[in-house]
C-alpha atoms as a PDB file:
ATOM      1  CA  MET A   1      98.356 110.213  95.858  1.00  0.00           C
ATOM      2  CA  GLU A   2     100.192 106.927  95.805  1.00  0.00           C
ATOM      3  CA  SER A   3     100.253 104.024  98.206  1.00  0.00           C
ATOM      4  CA  LEU A   4     103.481 103.205  99.997  1.00  0.00           C
ATOM      5  CA  ASP A   5     102.328  99.826 101.259  1.00  0.00           C
ATOM      6  CA  HIS A   6     100.401  97.002  99.607  1.00  0.00           C
ATOM      7  CA  ARG A   7      97.223  97.672 101.619  1.00  0.00           C
ATOM      8  CA  GLY A   8      97.048 101.356 100.707  1.00  0.00           C
ATOM      9  CA  LEU A   9      97.010 102.544 104.325  1.00  0.00           C
ATOM     10  CA  VAL A  10     100.125 104.698 104.030  1.00  0.00           C
ATOM     11  CA  ARG A  11      99.907 107.229 101.216  1.00  0.00           C
ATOM     12  CA  ARG A  12     101.927 110.182  99.991  1.00  0.00           C
ATOM     13  CA  ALA A  13     101.491 112.941  97.458  1.00  0.00           C
ATOM     14  CA  ARG A  14     104.021 113.306  94.678  1.00  0.00           C
ATOM     15  CA  VAL A  15     104.295 116.029  92.038  1.00  0.00           C
ATOM     16  CA  THR A  16     104.460 114.198  88.725  1.00  0.00           C
ATOM     17  CA  ASP A  17     104.259 117.120  86.315  1.00  0.00           C
ATOM     18  CA  GLN A  18     106.569 119.769  87.703  1.00  0.00           C
ATOM     19  CA  THR A  19     108.185 120.421  84.328  1.00  0.00           C
ATOM     20  CA  LEU A  20     106.951 120.088  80.782  1.00  0.00           C
ATOM     21  CA  LEU A  21     109.298 117.093  80.443  1.00  0.00           C
ATOM     22  CA  ASP A  22     107.343 115.331  83.186  1.00  0.00           C
ATOM     23  CA  THR A  23     104.034 116.043  81.453  1.00  0.00           C
ATOM     24  CA  LEU A  24     105.330 114.756  78.119  1.00  0.00           C
ATOM     25  CA  LEU A  25     106.562 111.570  79.786  1.00  0.00           C
ATOM     26  CA  ALA A  26     103.184 111.031  81.458  1.00  0.00           C
ATOM     27  CA  ASP A  27     101.434 111.595  78.089  1.00  0.00           C
ATOM     28  CA  GLN A  28     103.881 109.080  76.511  1.00  0.00           C
ATOM     29  CA  LYS A  29     105.093 111.638  73.970  1.00  0.00           C
ATOM     30  CA  ILE A  30     108.714 111.072  75.014  1.00  0.00           C
ATOM     31  CA  SER A  31     110.450 107.928  76.217  1.00  0.00           C
ATOM     32  CA  PRO A  32     111.895 107.400  79.702  1.00  0.00           C
ATOM     33  CA  THR A  33     115.373 107.534  78.127  1.00  0.00           C
ATOM     34  CA  GLN A  34     114.639 110.934  76.587  1.00  0.00           C
ATOM     35  CA  HIS A  35     113.208 112.140  79.908  1.00  0.00           C
ATOM     36  CA  ALA A  36     116.364 111.004  81.711  1.00  0.00           C
ATOM     37  CA  GLY A  37     118.517 112.914  79.191  1.00  0.00           C
ATOM     38  CA  GLY A  38     116.569 116.113  79.853  1.00  0.00           C
ATOM     39  CA  GLU A  39     116.707 115.560  83.611  1.00  0.00           C
ATOM     40  CA  ALA A  40     120.482 115.048  83.391  1.00  0.00           C
ATOM     41  CA  LEU A  41     120.884 118.439  81.695  1.00  0.00           C
ATOM     42  CA  LEU A  42     118.582 120.074  84.256  1.00  0.00           C
ATOM     43  CA  SER A  43     120.609 118.572  87.113  1.00  0.00           C
ATOM     44  CA  SER A  44     123.869 119.822  85.632  1.00  0.00           C
ATOM     45  CA  LEU A  45     122.392 123.310  85.101  1.00  0.00           C
ATOM     46  CA  VAL A  46     121.214 123.391  88.705  1.00  0.00           C
ATOM     47  CA  ALA A  47     124.674 122.286  89.871  1.00  0.00           C
ATOM     48  CA  ALA A  48     126.193 125.097  87.793  1.00  0.00           C
ATOM     49  CA  GLY A  49     123.849 127.625  89.424  1.00  0.00           C
ATOM     50  CA  ALA A  50     122.188 128.438  86.092  1.00  0.00           C
ATOM     51  CA  THR A  51     118.590 127.843  87.198  1.00  0.00           C
ATOM     52  CA  PRO A  52     116.644 129.028  90.222  1.00  0.00           C
ATOM     53  CA  ARG A  53     115.834 126.196  92.610  1.00  0.00           C
ATOM     54  CA  SER A  54     115.306 125.912  96.313  1.00  0.00           C
ATOM     55  CA  PRO A  55     118.386 127.185  98.101  1.00  0.00           C
ATOM     56  CA  GLY A  56     120.666 124.655  99.720  1.00  0.00           C
ATOM     57  CA  LEU A  57     121.949 125.022 103.240  1.00  0.00           C
ATOM     58  CA  GLU A  58     125.612 124.893 102.222  1.00  0.00           C
ATOM     59  CA  PRO A  59     127.374 128.115 101.206  1.00  0.00           C
ATOM     60  CA  PHE A  60     127.235 128.850  97.476  1.00  0.00           C
ATOM     61  CA  ILE A  61     130.918 129.764  97.233  1.00  0.00           C
ATOM     62  CA  PRO A  62     133.249 128.263  99.808  1.00  0.00           C
ATOM     63  CA  ALA A  63     134.951 130.606 102.216  1.00  0.00           C
ATOM     64  CA  GLY A  64     138.691 130.900 101.860  1.00  0.00           C
ATOM     65  CA  ARG A  65     141.077 132.146  99.268  1.00  0.00           C
ATOM     66  CA  SER A  66     139.569 133.645  96.120  1.00  0.00           C
ATOM     67  CA  ASN A  67     141.162 131.071  93.806  1.00  0.00           C
ATOM     68  CA  GLU A  68     139.324 128.311  95.714  1.00  0.00           C
ATOM     69  CA  ALA A  69     136.032 130.125  95.084  1.00  0.00           C
ATOM     70  CA  GLU A  70     136.884 130.574  91.405  1.00  0.00           C
ATOM     71  CA  ARG A  71     137.791 126.901  91.070  1.00  0.00           C
ATOM     72  CA  ALA A  72     134.495 125.834  92.687  1.00  0.00           C
ATOM     73  CA  ALA A  73     132.488 128.079  90.351  1.00  0.00           C
ATOM     74  CA  SER A  74     134.405 126.768  87.334  1.00  0.00           C
ATOM     75  CA  MET A  75     133.693 123.165  88.289  1.00  0.00           C
ATOM     76  CA  ARG A  76     129.962 123.871  88.534  1.00  0.00           C
ATOM     77  CA  ILE A  77     129.962 125.476  85.084  1.00  0.00           C
ATOM     78  CA  LEU A  78     131.899 122.546  83.612  1.00  0.00           C
ATOM     79  CA  ALA A  79     129.223 120.176  84.936  1.00  0.00           C
ATOM     80  CA  ALA A  80     126.770 121.555  82.351  1.00  0.00           C
ATOM     81  CA  ARG A  81     129.275 121.605  79.505  1.00  0.00           C
ATOM     82  CA  ARG A  82     128.628 118.049  78.258  1.00  0.00           C
ATOM     83  CA  GLY A  83     124.905 118.621  77.712  1.00  0.00           C
ATOM     84  CA  LEU A  84     125.370 122.056  76.189  1.00  0.00           C
ATOM     85  CA  ARG A  85     127.913 120.646  73.736  1.00  0.00           C
ATOM     86  CA  ALA A  86     125.428 117.936  72.725  1.00  0.00           C
ATOM     87  CA  LEU A  87     122.755 120.549  72.024  1.00  0.00           C
ATOM     88  CA  ARG A  88     125.137 122.506  69.790  1.00  0.00           C
ATOM     89  CA  ALA A  89     125.314 119.442  67.521  1.00  0.00           C
ATOM     90  CA  VAL A  90     121.548 119.310  66.847  1.00  0.00           C
ATOM     91  CA  PRO A  91     119.447 121.774  64.812  1.00  0.00           C
ATOM     92  CA  GLN A  92     118.616 125.017  66.599  1.00  0.00           C
ATOM     93  CA  ASP A  93     114.890 124.224  66.845  1.00  0.00           C
ATOM     94  CA  ALA A  94     115.707 120.955  68.650  1.00  0.00           C
ATOM     95  CA  ALA A  95     117.974 122.755  71.132  1.00  0.00           C
ATOM     96  CA  GLN A  96     115.352 125.449  71.751  1.00  0.00           C
ATOM     97  CA  ALA A  97     112.651 122.819  72.290  1.00  0.00           C
ATOM     98  CA  CYS A  98     114.886 121.092  74.857  1.00  0.00           C
ATOM     99  CA  PHE A  99     115.459 124.255  76.853  1.00  0.00           C
ATOM    100  CA  LEU A 100     111.745 125.113  76.768  1.00  0.00           C
ATOM    101  CA  ALA A 101     110.758 121.631  77.953  1.00  0.00           C
ATOM    102  CA  ILE A 102     113.422 121.477  80.651  1.00  0.00           C
ATOM    103  CA  LEU A 103     113.032 124.953  82.114  1.00  0.00           C
ATOM    104  CA  SER A 104     109.390 125.873  81.465  1.00  0.00           C
ATOM    105  CA  THR A 105     106.625 125.309  83.961  1.00  0.00           C
ATOM    106  CA  ASP A 106     103.927 127.498  82.367  1.00  0.00           C
ATOM    107  CA  GLU A 107     100.738 126.431  80.633  1.00  0.00           C
ATOM    108  CA  GLY A 108     101.662 128.117  77.327  1.00  0.00           C
ATOM    109  CA  ALA A 109     104.523 125.701  76.773  1.00  0.00           C
ATOM    110  CA  ARG A 110     102.244 122.772  77.605  1.00  0.00           C
ATOM    111  CA  LYS A 111      99.773 123.913  74.909  1.00  0.00           C
ATOM    112  CA  ILE A 112     102.580 124.035  72.341  1.00  0.00           C
ATOM    113  CA  ALA A 113     103.582 120.486  73.229  1.00  0.00           C
ATOM    114  CA  ARG A 114     100.000 119.207  72.968  1.00  0.00           C
ATOM    115  CA  HIS A 115      99.241 120.743  69.577  1.00  0.00           C
ATOM    116  CA  SER A 116     102.507 120.739  67.661  1.00  0.00           C
ATOM    117  CA  PRO A 117     103.756 117.328  66.512  1.00  0.00           C
ATOM    118  CA  SER A 118     106.721 118.975  64.731  1.00  0.00           C
ATOM    119  CA  TRP A 119     107.807 120.636  67.994  1.00  0.00           C
ATOM    120  CA  VAL A 120     107.642 117.303  69.822  1.00  0.00           C
ATOM    121  CA  ALA A 121     109.681 115.660  67.031  1.00  0.00           C
ATOM    122  CA  SER A 122     112.355 118.369  67.378  1.00  0.00           C
ATOM    123  CA  LEU A 123     112.321 117.915  71.144  1.00  0.00           C
ATOM    124  CA  ARG A 124     112.833 114.152  70.789  1.00  0.00           C
ATOM    125  CA  GLU A 125     115.860 114.759  68.551  1.00  0.00           C
ATOM    126  CA  GLY A 126     117.446 117.046  71.149  1.00  0.00           C
ATOM    127  CA  LEU A 127     116.639 114.738  74.065  1.00  0.00           C
ATOM    128  CA  ASP A 128     118.121 111.768  72.201  1.00  0.00           C
ATOM    129  CA  ALA A 129     121.349 113.747  71.764  1.00  0.00           C
ATOM    130  CA  LEU A 130     121.371 114.573  75.491  1.00  0.00           C
ATOM    131  CA  ALA A 131     120.786 110.934  76.471  1.00  0.00           C
ATOM    132  CA  ARG A 132     123.703 109.819  74.275  1.00  0.00           C
ATOM    133  CA  SER A 133     125.905 112.596  75.621  1.00  0.00           C
ATOM    134  CA  PHE A 134     125.249 111.683  79.259  1.00  0.00           C
ATOM    135  CA  GLY A 135     125.687 107.967  78.532  1.00  0.00           C
ATOM    136  CA  ILE A 136     122.098 107.031  79.354  1.00  0.00           C
ATOM    137  CA  GLY A 137     121.159 103.635  77.973  1.00  0.00           C
ATOM    138  CA  GLU A 138     117.721 102.464  76.988  1.00  0.00           C
ATOM    139  CA  ILE A 139     115.299 102.618  79.927  1.00  0.00           C
ATOM    140  CA  HIS A 140     112.395 100.163  79.876  1.00  0.00           C
ATOM    141  CA  ASP A 141     108.990 101.826  80.068  1.00  0.00           C
ATOM    142  CA  PRO A 142     106.852  99.732  82.439  1.00  0.00           C
ATOM    143  CA  ARG A 143     103.651 101.274  81.018  1.00  0.00           C
ATOM    144  CA  ARG A 144     104.092  99.506  77.669  1.00  0.00           C
END
């Protein structure tokens, strides 16, 4: 729960560890810049329709001629291309760690992150590549 006003009378609940990326940020194992790089890839994957998320109210493929639908689908896939290209440039273990952290919500992945410093180091390498690819500059961490 967090306060929305200075007196603490109005409060709201917020999920702060929905993905493994969120947990690693809260544990200060990754930087806010690295977290933003992972979130940028997740957003582009969601836009491309590559991950299950809550359904939107707009139609998935616009009605009309078939080439319009194909063009819309192609544009969504291209949205993820930048991040996927960045992950091809890093070692395979770094790319795999990124996908696990971005897409996993299970406790098994969280245990790996807690007990494997080499996995976290690989993840940081991949997230740094994503942050550079998406043009994310250094984000100040207010906790430090």
